[in-house]
Amino acid sequence: MYELWMLNSVNGKMADAIYTVEENSKTLAMVTLKAKSDSLHIGLIATAPQAQGKGYGKQLINRTLQVAKTMGLPKVEVPTQYDNKQACGFYEACGFKVASIRNIYHFWL
């Protein structure tokens, strides 16, 4: 699923921009961004397991906030799963607040 998400982000279907943190020609962290009419949306943000805890995620959040400001977009939004405590804790540590909770159900046939 994430491979398809990345492919569609790289080809511009799901993201307007992708920012990465690289070291020795290896991508250690990345974020995908999509501009909406009044906000910048984070589609996916990820850090390689061996690179977690080194501040790369915060670096990408700061870059995202900078991009939003440059684009004149007043807010940055990021949807995530409420059960993903690691992601929720990360976003809260970066200053994000829960704006809404919505249950989305998937039915597989």
Protein backbone atom coordinates (compact mmCIF):
# COMPACT_ATOMS: atom_id res chain seq x y z
CA MET A 1 0.00 0.00 0.00
CA TYR A 2 2.75 2.48 0.93
CA GLU A 3 4.66 1.61 -2.23
CA LEU A 4 1.64 2.63 -4.32
CA TRP A 5 1.22 5.77 -2.18
CA MET A 6 4.84 6.72 -2.85
CA LEU A 7 4.54 6.01 -6.57
CA ASN A 8 1.43 8.18 -6.81
CA SER A 9 3.14 10.91 -4.78
CA VAL A 10 6.24 10.91 -6.98
CA ASN A 11 4.18 11.10 -10.16
CA GLY A 12 2.14 14.02 -8.78
CA LYS A 13 -1.22 12.29 -8.33
CA MET A 14 -1.21 12.47 -4.52
CA ALA A 15 1.45 15.08 -3.70
CA ASP A 16 2.65 18.42 -4.97
CA ALA A 17 6.05 18.08 -3.32
CA ILE A 18 8.24 15.57 -1.52
CA TYR A 19 11.03 16.62 0.84
CA THR A 20 13.69 14.23 2.08
CA VAL A 21 16.54 14.00 4.54
CA GLU A 22 19.45 12.13 3.00
CA GLU A 23 22.82 10.91 4.17
CA ASN A 24 25.42 9.13 2.03
CA SER A 25 22.93 9.00 -0.88
CA LYS A 26 20.36 7.18 1.29
CA THR A 27 16.94 8.62 2.11
CA LEU A 28 16.49 8.56 5.89
CA ALA A 29 13.22 10.49 6.17
CA MET A 30 10.62 12.00 3.88
CA VAL A 31 7.36 13.94 3.80
CA THR A 32 4.77 14.33 1.04
CA LEU A 33 2.80 17.57 0.77
CA LYS A 34 -0.38 18.57 -1.04
CA ALA A 35 -1.66 22.15 -1.20
CA LYS A 36 -5.38 22.72 -0.73
CA SER A 37 -7.21 26.05 -1.00
CA ASP A 38 -6.52 27.14 2.59
CA SER A 39 -4.02 24.62 3.96
CA LEU A 40 -1.05 22.40 3.28
CA HIS A 41 -1.67 18.70 3.90
CA ILE A 42 0.93 16.20 5.00
CA GLY A 43 0.15 12.97 3.19
CA LEU A 44 2.87 10.76 4.54
CA ILE A 45 5.83 11.40 6.79
CA ALA A 46 8.26 8.61 7.58
CA THR A 47 11.69 8.06 9.08
CA ALA A 48 13.73 4.92 8.58
CA PRO A 49 13.85 2.85 11.78
CA GLN A 50 17.62 3.27 12.18
CA ALA A 51 17.25 7.07 11.84
CA GLN A 52 14.41 7.62 14.32
CA GLY A 53 15.08 9.83 17.31
CA LYS A 54 17.61 12.00 15.50
CA GLY A 55 15.30 14.96 14.81
CA TYR A 56 14.73 14.28 11.11
CA GLY A 57 10.95 14.20 11.49
CA LYS A 58 10.95 17.57 13.27
CA GLN A 59 13.24 18.91 10.55
CA LEU A 60 10.67 17.89 7.94
CA ILE A 61 7.80 19.38 9.96
CA ASN A 62 9.72 22.67 10.18
CA ARG A 63 10.28 22.55 6.41
CA THR A 64 6.57 21.90 5.92
CA LEU A 65 5.65 24.91 8.08
CA GLN A 66 8.10 27.03 6.09
CA VAL A 67 6.60 25.87 2.77
CA ALA A 68 3.07 26.66 4.00
CA LYS A 69 4.15 30.15 5.05
CA THR A 70 5.89 30.76 1.71
CA MET A 71 2.74 29.64 -0.12
CA GLY A 72 0.56 31.90 2.02
CA LEU A 73 -1.37 28.96 3.46
CA PRO A 74 -2.51 29.67 7.04
CA LYS A 75 -2.53 26.11 8.33
CA VAL A 76 -0.95 22.69 8.01
CA GLU A 77 -3.14 19.63 8.42
CA VAL A 78 -2.19 16.01 8.86
CA PRO A 79 -4.62 13.11 8.98
CA THR A 80 -3.49 10.08 10.94
CA GLN A 81 -4.99 7.07 12.64
CA TYR A 82 -5.97 7.82 16.22
CA ASP A 83 -4.68 4.37 17.27
CA ASN A 84 -1.22 5.25 15.96
CA LYS A 85 0.01 6.58 19.30
CA GLN A 86 3.58 7.09 18.07
CA ALA A 87 2.44 9.35 15.22
CA CYS A 88 -0.08 11.22 17.39
CA GLY A 89 2.57 11.82 20.05
CA PHE A 90 5.02 13.05 17.42
CA TYR A 91 2.53 15.51 15.95
CA GLU A 92 1.55 16.79 19.39
CA ALA A 93 5.26 17.26 20.26
CA CYS A 94 5.53 19.35 17.08
CA GLY A 95 2.66 21.60 18.22
CA PHE A 96 -0.24 20.04 16.32
CA LYS A 97 -3.65 19.75 17.99
CA VAL A 98 -6.49 17.33 17.24
CA ALA A 99 -8.99 19.23 15.09
CA SER A 100 -11.48 16.41 14.62
CA ILE A 101 -11.90 12.67 14.93
CA ARG A 102 -13.65 10.82 12.15
CA ASN A 103 -14.14 7.09 11.85
CA ILE A 104 -13.62 5.71 8.37
CA TYR A 105 -14.69 2.16 7.70
CA HIS A 106 -13.38 0.01 4.88
CA PHE A 107 -15.40 -2.86 3.55
CA TRP A 108 -13.54 -5.58 1.70
CA LEU A 109 -15.49 -7.70 -0.75
